[in-house]
Amino acid sequence: MLSVRSWRKCFWLLLAMTTNSFADWKPLTADSVHDPAAPALNLLQIPEDALSALPPDSAGNKVNWVEALRQGHINPRTNIFPETKIEVLDLDIYFDQTADLRVVRFPHRPHTEWLDCVNCHDQIFKRGRGENEFGMFSILEGEFCGQCHGAVAFPLTECDRCHSVPREEYEKIQKATTPQ
């Protein structure tokens, strides 16, 4: 049985998928996040002014953050402690237990360009093939990928960004990478 939290997440996901909720920037006084009566509201930068200069995206806050990073528009701090060495890992992981949907490709590269491995391993995800058992309901509840996606990364309404590999293509990849 699904928890109330799961049903609530499903409701909001379906609502977001069926409405044009990401189409326009709203003024801070009308965004349902900020208190329109707050005396310091006028000190905040208008999101459209700040974010429209960055590479566009079609979802969420309409910024392609990976491209913004790669093009040098932003230079986020990769770690808190300067001695931490960040390893950019160019490795794709595939999750094929997706019923009739396309296979999920998890690209480590854009994630590790932002974050050190310890941000995810071994608390959110265990290292090792087959060590993590999760699905969309747990992600919608804010677990696993849902810790960031739907919060600070592109929203969970962008199904094709993760479910991106057709089965036939996945089978070719598996065949090419499996030792004979």
N, C-alpha and C. Protein backbone atom coordinates (compact mmCIF):
# COMPACT_ATOMS: atom_id res chain seq x y z
N MET A 1 0.85 -1.18 0.00
CA MET A 1 0.00 0.00 0.00
C MET A 1 0.90 1.24 0.00
N LEU A 2 0.51 2.23 -0.79
CA LEU A 2 1.28 3.47 -0.87
C LEU A 2 0.97 4.37 0.31
N SER A 3 2.00 5.04 0.78
CA SER A 3 1.81 5.98 1.87
C SER A 3 1.12 7.24 1.35
N VAL A 4 0.61 8.03 2.27
CA VAL A 4 0.00 9.31 1.90
C VAL A 4 1.02 10.17 1.17
N ARG A 5 2.26 10.13 1.64
CA ARG A 5 3.33 10.90 1.00
C ARG A 5 3.53 10.47 -0.45
N SER A 6 3.48 9.15 -0.71
CA SER A 6 3.62 8.64 -2.07
C SER A 6 2.49 9.12 -2.96
N TRP A 7 1.28 9.03 -2.46
CA TRP A 7 0.14 9.48 -3.24
C TRP A 7 0.22 10.98 -3.53
N ARG A 8 0.66 11.74 -2.53
CA ARG A 8 0.80 13.18 -2.71
C ARG A 8 1.83 13.49 -3.80
N LYS A 9 2.98 12.80 -3.76
CA LYS A 9 4.01 13.00 -4.78
C LYS A 9 3.48 12.64 -6.16
N CYS A 10 2.76 11.51 -6.24
CA CYS A 10 2.19 11.10 -7.53
C CYS A 10 1.21 12.13 -8.05
N PHE A 11 0.40 12.67 -7.16
CA PHE A 11 -0.57 13.70 -7.55
C PHE A 11 0.15 14.91 -8.13
N TRP A 12 1.18 15.41 -7.44
CA TRP A 12 1.90 16.59 -7.90
C TRP A 12 2.65 16.32 -9.19
N LEU A 13 3.19 15.10 -9.34
CA LEU A 13 3.87 14.75 -10.57
C LEU A 13 2.89 14.76 -11.74
N LEU A 14 1.74 14.14 -11.55
CA LEU A 14 0.74 14.13 -12.62
C LEU A 14 0.24 15.54 -12.93
N LEU A 15 0.04 16.34 -11.90
CA LEU A 15 -0.40 17.72 -12.11
C LEU A 15 0.64 18.49 -12.92
N ALA A 16 1.91 18.33 -12.56
CA ALA A 16 2.98 19.03 -13.27
C ALA A 16 3.08 18.57 -14.72
N MET A 17 2.81 17.28 -14.95
CA MET A 17 2.90 16.76 -16.31
C MET A 17 1.74 17.21 -17.18
N THR A 18 0.63 17.55 -16.57
CA THR A 18 -0.54 17.92 -17.35
C THR A 18 -0.80 19.42 -17.39
N THR A 19 0.02 20.19 -16.72
CA THR A 19 -0.13 21.64 -16.76
C THR A 19 1.15 22.25 -17.28
N ASN A 20 1.09 23.51 -17.59
CA ASN A 20 2.24 24.22 -18.11
C ASN A 20 2.86 25.02 -16.98
N SER A 21 3.16 24.37 -15.86
CA SER A 21 3.58 25.06 -14.65
C SER A 21 4.97 25.67 -14.74
N PHE A 22 5.78 25.25 -15.71
CA PHE A 22 7.13 25.77 -15.80
C PHE A 22 7.26 26.81 -16.92
N ALA A 23 6.15 27.23 -17.51
CA ALA A 23 6.21 28.05 -18.71
C ALA A 23 6.72 29.46 -18.47
N ASP A 24 6.34 30.10 -17.42
CA ASP A 24 6.67 31.51 -17.23
C ASP A 24 7.29 31.76 -15.87
N TRP A 25 8.23 32.71 -15.85
CA TRP A 25 8.77 33.17 -14.57
C TRP A 25 7.71 34.01 -13.91
N LYS A 26 7.49 33.80 -12.66
CA LYS A 26 6.52 34.60 -11.93
C LYS A 26 7.27 35.61 -11.08
N PRO A 27 6.68 36.79 -10.84
CA PRO A 27 7.31 37.73 -9.92
C PRO A 27 7.41 37.09 -8.53
N LEU A 28 8.40 37.48 -7.77
CA LEU A 28 8.58 36.91 -6.44
C LEU A 28 7.35 37.12 -5.56
N THR A 29 6.62 38.18 -5.81
CA THR A 29 5.42 38.45 -5.01
C THR A 29 4.28 37.51 -5.35
N ALA A 30 4.40 36.77 -6.46
CA ALA A 30 3.30 35.90 -6.89
C ALA A 30 3.76 34.46 -7.14
N ASP A 31 4.94 34.08 -6.64
CA ASP A 31 5.46 32.75 -6.95
C ASP A 31 5.04 31.66 -5.96
N SER A 32 4.23 32.02 -4.98
CA SER A 32 3.75 31.08 -3.96
C SER A 32 4.87 30.51 -3.09
N VAL A 33 6.04 31.11 -3.15
CA VAL A 33 7.16 30.71 -2.32
C VAL A 33 7.52 31.82 -1.36
N HIS A 34 7.60 33.03 -1.89
CA HIS A 34 8.01 34.18 -1.09
C HIS A 34 6.79 34.90 -0.51
N ASP A 35 6.98 35.48 0.64
CA ASP A 35 5.93 36.27 1.29
C ASP A 35 5.88 37.64 0.62
N PRO A 36 4.79 37.95 -0.09
CA PRO A 36 4.70 39.23 -0.79
C PRO A 36 4.81 40.44 0.14
N ALA A 37 4.54 40.26 1.41
CA ALA A 37 4.60 41.37 2.37
C ALA A 37 5.98 41.50 3.02
N ALA A 38 6.91 40.62 2.69
CA ALA A 38 8.24 40.67 3.31
C ALA A 38 8.94 41.97 2.94
N PRO A 39 9.43 42.71 3.92
CA PRO A 39 10.03 44.01 3.63
C PRO A 39 11.33 43.92 2.82
N ALA A 40 12.01 42.79 2.85
CA ALA A 40 13.28 42.67 2.13
C ALA A 40 13.12 42.00 0.76
N LEU A 41 11.90 41.75 0.34
CA LEU A 41 11.68 41.05 -0.92
C LEU A 41 12.33 41.79 -2.10
N ASN A 42 12.32 43.10 -2.06
CA ASN A 42 12.88 43.86 -3.17
C ASN A 42 14.41 43.78 -3.24
N LEU A 43 15.04 43.20 -2.23
CA LEU A 43 16.49 43.02 -2.25
C LEU A 43 16.91 41.77 -3.01
N LEU A 44 15.97 40.86 -3.24
CA LEU A 44 16.27 39.62 -3.93
C LEU A 44 16.35 39.85 -5.44
N GLN A 45 17.22 39.11 -6.07
CA GLN A 45 17.35 39.20 -7.52
C GLN A 45 16.18 38.48 -8.17
N ILE A 46 15.64 39.06 -9.21
CA ILE A 46 14.53 38.47 -9.95
C ILE A 46 15.08 37.25 -10.71
N PRO A 47 14.47 36.07 -10.53
CA PRO A 47 14.99 34.87 -11.18
C PRO A 47 15.16 35.02 -12.70
N GLU A 48 14.21 35.63 -13.35
CA GLU A 48 14.32 35.78 -14.80
C GLU A 48 15.56 36.59 -15.18
N ASP A 49 15.86 37.64 -14.43
CA ASP A 49 17.05 38.46 -14.71
C ASP A 49 18.32 37.64 -14.52
N ALA A 50 18.36 36.84 -13.47
CA ALA A 50 19.56 36.08 -13.15
C ALA A 50 19.74 34.88 -14.06
N LEU A 51 18.68 34.15 -14.31
CA LEU A 51 18.79 32.85 -14.95
C LEU A 51 18.62 32.87 -16.46
N SER A 52 17.99 33.88 -17.01
CA SER A 52 17.74 33.89 -18.46
C SER A 52 19.02 34.11 -19.25
N ALA A 53 20.10 34.56 -18.61
CA ALA A 53 21.38 34.74 -19.30
C ALA A 53 22.15 33.42 -19.41
N LEU A 54 21.68 32.38 -18.76
CA LEU A 54 22.35 31.08 -18.77
C LEU A 54 21.77 30.19 -19.87
N PRO A 55 22.46 29.12 -20.26
CA PRO A 55 21.95 28.22 -21.31
C PRO A 55 20.54 27.74 -20.96
N PRO A 56 19.61 27.85 -21.89
CA PRO A 56 18.22 27.51 -21.59
C PRO A 56 17.96 26.02 -21.54
N ASP A 57 16.90 25.69 -20.82
CA ASP A 57 16.41 24.33 -20.72
C ASP A 57 14.90 24.41 -20.80
N SER A 58 14.25 23.30 -21.02
CA SER A 58 12.80 23.31 -21.19
C SER A 58 12.04 22.99 -19.91
N ALA A 59 12.75 22.69 -18.83
CA ALA A 59 12.06 22.23 -17.62
C ALA A 59 12.62 22.89 -16.38
N GLY A 60 11.90 22.67 -15.28
CA GLY A 60 12.36 23.16 -13.98
C GLY A 60 12.54 24.66 -13.98
N ASN A 61 13.72 25.12 -13.58
CA ASN A 61 13.96 26.56 -13.54
C ASN A 61 14.48 27.07 -14.87
N LYS A 62 14.37 26.24 -15.91
CA LYS A 62 14.68 26.58 -17.30
C LYS A 62 16.15 26.90 -17.54
N VAL A 63 17.03 26.34 -16.74
CA VAL A 63 18.47 26.50 -16.93
C VAL A 63 19.10 25.13 -17.13
N ASN A 64 19.92 25.01 -18.15
CA ASN A 64 20.70 23.79 -18.35
C ASN A 64 21.98 23.97 -17.55
N TRP A 65 21.98 23.50 -16.32
CA TRP A 65 23.08 23.73 -15.40
C TRP A 65 24.36 23.05 -15.83
N VAL A 66 24.26 21.88 -16.45
CA VAL A 66 25.46 21.18 -16.91
C VAL A 66 26.15 22.02 -17.98
N GLU A 67 25.38 22.55 -18.93
CA GLU A 67 25.96 23.41 -19.96
C GLU A 67 26.49 24.71 -19.38
N ALA A 68 25.79 25.27 -18.41
CA ALA A 68 26.26 26.50 -17.76
C ALA A 68 27.63 26.28 -17.13
N LEU A 69 27.82 25.12 -16.53
CA LEU A 69 29.10 24.77 -15.93
C LEU A 69 30.16 24.59 -17.00
N ARG A 70 29.86 23.80 -18.02
CA ARG A 70 30.83 23.49 -19.07
C ARG A 70 31.23 24.73 -19.88
N GLN A 71 30.30 25.66 -20.06
CA GLN A 71 30.58 26.89 -20.81
C GLN A 71 31.24 27.97 -19.96
N GLY A 72 31.40 27.70 -18.68
CA GLY A 72 32.08 28.65 -17.81
C GLY A 72 31.22 29.79 -17.30
N HIS A 73 29.90 29.70 -17.47
CA HIS A 73 28.99 30.73 -16.94
C HIS A 73 28.97 30.71 -15.41
N ILE A 74 29.16 29.53 -14.86
CA ILE A 74 29.17 29.37 -13.40
C ILE A 74 30.42 28.58 -13.02
N ASN A 75 30.87 28.76 -11.82
CA ASN A 75 32.04 28.05 -11.32
C ASN A 75 31.77 27.66 -9.86
N PRO A 76 30.90 26.68 -9.66
CA PRO A 76 30.56 26.32 -8.28
C PRO A 76 31.74 25.67 -7.57
N ARG A 77 31.74 25.83 -6.29
CA ARG A 77 32.75 25.17 -5.46
C ARG A 77 32.43 23.68 -5.43
N THR A 78 33.39 22.84 -5.72
CA THR A 78 33.14 21.40 -5.80
C THR A 78 33.19 20.72 -4.45
N ASN A 79 33.76 21.41 -3.45
CA ASN A 79 33.88 20.79 -2.15
C ASN A 79 34.04 21.85 -1.08
N ILE A 80 33.88 21.46 0.15
CA ILE A 80 34.03 22.38 1.28
C ILE A 80 35.49 22.48 1.68
N PHE A 81 36.17 21.35 1.65
CA PHE A 81 37.56 21.30 2.09
C PHE A 81 38.48 21.33 0.87
N PRO A 82 39.37 22.32 0.76
CA PRO A 82 40.23 22.46 -0.43
C PRO A 82 41.08 21.23 -0.73
N GLU A 83 41.42 20.46 0.27
CA GLU A 83 42.27 19.29 0.04
C GLU A 83 41.51 18.12 -0.61
N THR A 84 40.19 18.21 -0.68
CA THR A 84 39.40 17.15 -1.31
C THR A 84 39.65 17.16 -2.81
N LYS A 85 40.06 16.03 -3.35
CA LYS A 85 40.31 15.89 -4.78
C LYS A 85 39.06 15.30 -5.44
N ILE A 86 38.51 16.01 -6.38
CA ILE A 86 37.31 15.56 -7.07
C ILE A 86 37.71 14.72 -8.27
N GLU A 87 37.08 13.56 -8.39
CA GLU A 87 37.32 12.68 -9.53
C GLU A 87 36.12 12.75 -10.46
N VAL A 88 36.35 13.23 -11.68
CA VAL A 88 35.29 13.22 -12.68
C VAL A 88 35.31 11.84 -13.31
N LEU A 89 34.20 11.13 -13.16
CA LEU A 89 34.10 9.74 -13.60
C LEU A 89 33.25 9.67 -14.86
N ASP A 90 33.83 9.25 -15.96
CA ASP A 90 33.11 9.13 -17.22
C ASP A 90 32.62 7.69 -17.38
N LEU A 91 31.54 7.37 -16.69
CA LEU A 91 31.02 6.01 -16.65
C LEU A 91 29.50 6.06 -16.63
N ASP A 92 28.89 5.33 -17.54
CA ASP A 92 27.43 5.24 -17.57
C ASP A 92 26.99 3.94 -16.91
N ILE A 93 25.95 4.04 -16.10
CA ILE A 93 25.33 2.88 -15.46
C ILE A 93 23.93 2.75 -16.03
N TYR A 94 23.53 1.54 -16.34
CA TYR A 94 22.21 1.30 -16.93
C TYR A 94 21.33 0.52 -15.96
N PHE A 95 20.09 0.95 -15.87
CA PHE A 95 19.08 0.26 -15.06
C PHE A 95 18.01 -0.24 -16.02
N ASP A 96 17.93 -1.55 -16.18
CA ASP A 96 17.03 -2.12 -17.19
C ASP A 96 15.73 -2.67 -16.62
N GLN A 97 15.53 -2.58 -15.31
CA GLN A 97 14.30 -3.06 -14.69
C GLN A 97 13.24 -1.96 -14.73
N THR A 98 12.81 -1.61 -15.94
CA THR A 98 11.91 -0.46 -16.13
C THR A 98 10.61 -0.84 -16.82
N ALA A 99 10.21 -2.09 -16.71
CA ALA A 99 8.99 -2.59 -17.34
C ALA A 99 9.06 -2.30 -18.84
N ASP A 100 8.04 -1.62 -19.38
CA ASP A 100 8.00 -1.34 -20.81
C ASP A 100 8.65 -0.01 -21.17
N LEU A 101 9.13 0.72 -20.18
CA LEU A 101 9.78 2.00 -20.45
C LEU A 101 11.19 1.79 -20.97
N ARG A 102 11.74 2.85 -21.54
CA ARG A 102 13.13 2.79 -21.97
C ARG A 102 14.05 2.54 -20.78
N VAL A 103 15.22 2.05 -21.05
CA VAL A 103 16.22 1.77 -20.03
C VAL A 103 16.75 3.11 -19.50
N VAL A 104 17.03 3.14 -18.21
CA VAL A 104 17.57 4.35 -17.58
C VAL A 104 19.09 4.33 -17.72
N ARG A 105 19.63 5.44 -18.22
CA ARG A 105 21.09 5.62 -18.28
C ARG A 105 21.46 6.65 -17.24
N PHE A 106 22.29 6.25 -16.29
CA PHE A 106 22.80 7.19 -15.30
C PHE A 106 24.21 7.60 -15.72
N PRO A 107 24.39 8.84 -16.16
CA PRO A 107 25.72 9.30 -16.56
C PRO A 107 26.47 9.87 -15.36
N HIS A 108 27.54 9.21 -14.95
CA HIS A 108 28.31 9.72 -13.82
C HIS A 108 28.96 11.07 -14.14
N ARG A 109 29.39 11.28 -15.37
CA ARG A 109 30.16 12.47 -15.71
C ARG A 109 29.49 13.77 -15.28
N PRO A 110 28.27 14.08 -15.72
CA PRO A 110 27.69 15.36 -15.30
C PRO A 110 27.44 15.45 -13.79
N HIS A 111 27.28 14.32 -13.15
CA HIS A 111 27.08 14.33 -11.71
C HIS A 111 28.40 14.59 -10.98
N THR A 112 29.48 13.95 -11.44
CA THR A 112 30.76 14.11 -10.75
C THR A 112 31.48 15.40 -11.13
N GLU A 113 30.99 16.09 -12.15
CA GLU A 113 31.52 17.43 -12.43
C GLU A 113 31.07 18.41 -11.35
N TRP A 114 29.97 18.08 -10.70
CA TRP A 114 29.41 18.92 -9.64
C TRP A 114 29.77 18.45 -8.25
N LEU A 115 29.75 17.15 -8.08
CA LEU A 115 29.78 16.58 -6.73
C LEU A 115 30.89 15.55 -6.56
N ASP A 116 31.42 15.49 -5.37
CA ASP A 116 32.35 14.44 -5.01
C ASP A 116 31.55 13.15 -4.82
N CYS A 117 32.18 12.03 -5.04
CA CYS A 117 31.51 10.73 -4.94
C CYS A 117 30.83 10.51 -3.59
N VAL A 118 31.44 11.02 -2.51
CA VAL A 118 30.90 10.77 -1.17
C VAL A 118 29.55 11.46 -0.95
N ASN A 119 29.16 12.36 -1.84
CA ASN A 119 27.84 12.96 -1.72
C ASN A 119 26.73 11.92 -1.90
N CYS A 120 27.01 10.91 -2.72
CA CYS A 120 26.01 9.87 -2.98
C CYS A 120 26.38 8.52 -2.39
N HIS A 121 27.67 8.19 -2.44
CA HIS A 121 28.12 6.87 -1.99
C HIS A 121 28.75 6.96 -0.61
N ASP A 122 28.41 6.18 0.28
CA ASP A 122 27.57 5.00 0.31
C ASP A 122 26.30 5.24 1.13
N GLN A 123 25.85 6.47 1.22
CA GLN A 123 24.63 6.71 1.99
C GLN A 123 23.39 6.66 1.12
N ILE A 124 23.37 7.40 0.02
CA ILE A 124 22.19 7.39 -0.86
C ILE A 124 22.21 6.14 -1.72
N PHE A 125 23.37 5.85 -2.30
CA PHE A 125 23.55 4.67 -3.13
C PHE A 125 24.73 3.85 -2.63
N LYS A 126 24.55 2.53 -2.59
CA LYS A 126 25.66 1.64 -2.28
C LYS A 126 26.48 1.46 -3.56
N ARG A 127 27.77 1.29 -3.40
CA ARG A 127 28.62 1.02 -4.56
C ARG A 127 28.47 -0.45 -4.92
N GLY A 128 28.38 -0.72 -6.17
CA GLY A 128 28.32 -2.13 -6.58
C GLY A 128 27.06 -2.46 -7.34
N ARG A 129 27.25 -3.19 -8.40
CA ARG A 129 26.15 -3.59 -9.27
C ARG A 129 25.13 -4.44 -8.49
N GLY A 130 23.87 -4.08 -8.61
CA GLY A 130 22.80 -4.84 -7.99
C GLY A 130 22.62 -4.59 -6.50
N GLU A 131 23.37 -3.66 -5.94
CA GLU A 131 23.31 -3.38 -4.50
C GLU A 131 22.14 -2.48 -4.12
N ASN A 132 21.57 -1.78 -5.08
CA ASN A 132 20.51 -0.81 -4.79
C ASN A 132 19.19 -1.25 -5.40
N GLU A 133 18.20 -1.33 -4.57
CA GLU A 133 16.87 -1.70 -5.06
C GLU A 133 15.94 -0.50 -4.87
N PHE A 134 15.53 0.09 -5.98
CA PHE A 134 14.66 1.26 -5.91
C PHE A 134 13.81 1.35 -7.16
N GLY A 135 12.81 2.17 -7.08
CA GLY A 135 11.91 2.39 -8.21
C GLY A 135 11.35 3.80 -8.13
N MET A 136 10.43 4.09 -9.04
CA MET A 136 9.90 5.45 -9.13
C MET A 136 9.19 5.90 -7.86
N PHE A 137 8.54 5.01 -7.16
CA PHE A 137 7.83 5.44 -5.95
C PHE A 137 8.80 5.92 -4.89
N SER A 138 9.90 5.20 -4.71
CA SER A 138 10.89 5.67 -3.73
C SER A 138 11.55 6.96 -4.19
N ILE A 139 11.76 7.10 -5.48
CA ILE A 139 12.35 8.35 -6.01
C ILE A 139 11.37 9.50 -5.79
N LEU A 140 10.09 9.26 -6.06
CA LEU A 140 9.06 10.29 -5.85
C LEU A 140 8.93 10.68 -4.38
N GLU A 141 9.28 9.75 -3.50
CA GLU A 141 9.24 10.05 -2.06
C GLU A 141 10.49 10.78 -1.59
N GLY A 142 11.38 11.12 -2.52
CA GLY A 142 12.57 11.88 -2.17
C GLY A 142 13.75 11.02 -1.79
N GLU A 143 13.69 9.75 -2.11
CA GLU A 143 14.83 8.86 -1.85
C GLU A 143 15.63 8.69 -3.14
N PHE A 144 16.83 8.18 -3.02
CA PHE A 144 17.71 7.90 -4.16
C PHE A 144 17.82 9.14 -5.05
N CYS A 145 17.51 9.01 -6.34
CA CYS A 145 17.63 10.13 -7.28
C CYS A 145 16.76 11.31 -6.84
N GLY A 146 15.67 11.01 -6.17
CA GLY A 146 14.74 12.04 -5.72
C GLY A 146 15.29 12.96 -4.65
N GLN A 147 16.47 12.65 -4.11
CA GLN A 147 17.10 13.56 -3.15
C GLN A 147 17.46 14.87 -3.83
N CYS A 148 17.80 14.82 -5.12
CA CYS A 148 18.16 16.04 -5.86
C CYS A 148 17.15 16.37 -6.95
N HIS A 149 16.77 15.35 -7.73
CA HIS A 149 15.84 15.61 -8.84
C HIS A 149 14.45 15.84 -8.28
N GLY A 150 13.90 16.95 -8.69
CA GLY A 150 12.64 17.40 -8.12
C GLY A 150 12.88 18.41 -7.01
N ALA A 151 14.14 18.61 -6.64
CA ALA A 151 14.48 19.59 -5.60
C ALA A 151 15.43 20.63 -6.18
N VAL A 152 16.66 20.25 -6.48
CA VAL A 152 17.64 21.20 -7.01
C VAL A 152 18.09 20.86 -8.42
N ALA A 153 17.73 19.70 -8.92
CA ALA A 153 18.09 19.30 -10.27
C ALA A 153 16.80 19.21 -11.10
N PHE A 154 16.94 18.93 -12.39
CA PHE A 154 15.74 18.94 -13.24
C PHE A 154 14.65 18.06 -12.63
N PRO A 155 13.40 18.43 -12.86
CA PRO A 155 12.28 17.76 -12.18
C PRO A 155 12.01 16.36 -12.70
N LEU A 156 11.30 15.61 -11.89
CA LEU A 156 10.95 14.23 -12.21
C LEU A 156 9.90 14.13 -13.31
N THR A 157 9.41 15.24 -13.79
CA THR A 157 8.44 15.23 -14.89
C THR A 157 9.13 15.05 -16.23
N GLU A 158 10.45 15.09 -16.25
CA GLU A 158 11.22 14.94 -17.48
C GLU A 158 11.64 13.49 -17.66
N CYS A 159 10.68 12.62 -17.86
CA CYS A 159 10.91 11.17 -17.87
C CYS A 159 12.00 10.75 -18.87
N ASP A 160 11.97 11.33 -20.08
CA ASP A 160 12.89 10.91 -21.13
C ASP A 160 14.35 11.24 -20.85
N ARG A 161 14.62 12.12 -19.91
CA ARG A 161 16.02 12.42 -19.60
C ARG A 161 16.70 11.24 -18.93
N CYS A 162 15.97 10.50 -18.14
CA CYS A 162 16.55 9.32 -17.49
C CYS A 162 16.21 8.06 -18.26
N HIS A 163 14.95 7.91 -18.63
CA HIS A 163 14.51 6.76 -19.42
C HIS A 163 14.82 7.09 -20.88
N SER A 164 16.12 7.00 -21.22
CA SER A 164 16.59 7.57 -22.49
C SER A 164 17.10 6.55 -23.50
N VAL A 165 17.24 5.30 -23.10
CA VAL A 165 17.87 4.33 -23.99
C VAL A 165 16.85 3.31 -24.47
N PRO A 166 16.58 3.28 -25.78
CA PRO A 166 15.68 2.24 -26.31
C PRO A 166 16.26 0.85 -26.06
N ARG A 167 15.40 -0.11 -25.86
CA ARG A 167 15.84 -1.49 -25.54
C ARG A 167 16.83 -2.04 -26.56
N GLU A 168 16.57 -1.78 -27.86
CA GLU A 168 17.46 -2.30 -28.90
C GLU A 168 18.87 -1.73 -28.75
N GLU A 169 18.96 -0.44 -28.47
CA GLU A 169 20.26 0.20 -28.28
C GLU A 169 20.96 -0.36 -27.03
N TYR A 170 20.19 -0.55 -25.97
CA TYR A 170 20.75 -1.11 -24.74
C TYR A 170 21.31 -2.51 -24.98
N GLU A 171 20.60 -3.33 -25.74
CA GLU A 171 21.06 -4.68 -26.03
C GLU A 171 22.38 -4.64 -26.81
N LYS A 172 22.52 -3.68 -27.72
CA LYS A 172 23.78 -3.53 -28.47
C LYS A 172 24.91 -3.12 -27.52
N ILE A 173 24.63 -2.22 -26.63
CA ILE A 173 25.64 -1.77 -25.65
C ILE A 173 26.08 -2.94 -24.78
N GLN A 174 25.09 -3.71 -24.30
CA GLN A 174 25.39 -4.88 -23.46
C GLN A 174 26.26 -5.89 -24.21
N LYS A 175 25.91 -6.13 -25.47
CA LYS A 175 26.65 -7.09 -26.27
C LYS A 175 28.09 -6.63 -26.49
N ALA A 176 28.26 -5.33 -26.73
CA ALA A 176 29.59 -4.79 -27.00
C ALA A 176 30.48 -4.74 -25.76
N THR A 177 29.87 -4.64 -24.57
CA THR A 177 30.66 -4.49 -23.35
C THR A 177 30.76 -5.77 -22.52
N THR A 178 30.05 -6.81 -22.90
CA THR A 178 30.09 -8.07 -22.15
C THR A 178 31.23 -8.94 -22.69
N PRO A 179 32.13 -9.38 -21.81
CA PRO A 179 33.23 -10.25 -22.26
C PRO A 179 32.67 -11.55 -22.82
N GLN A 180 33.26 -12.02 -23.88
CA GLN A 180 32.79 -13.24 -24.56
C GLN A 180 33.43 -14.46 -23.95
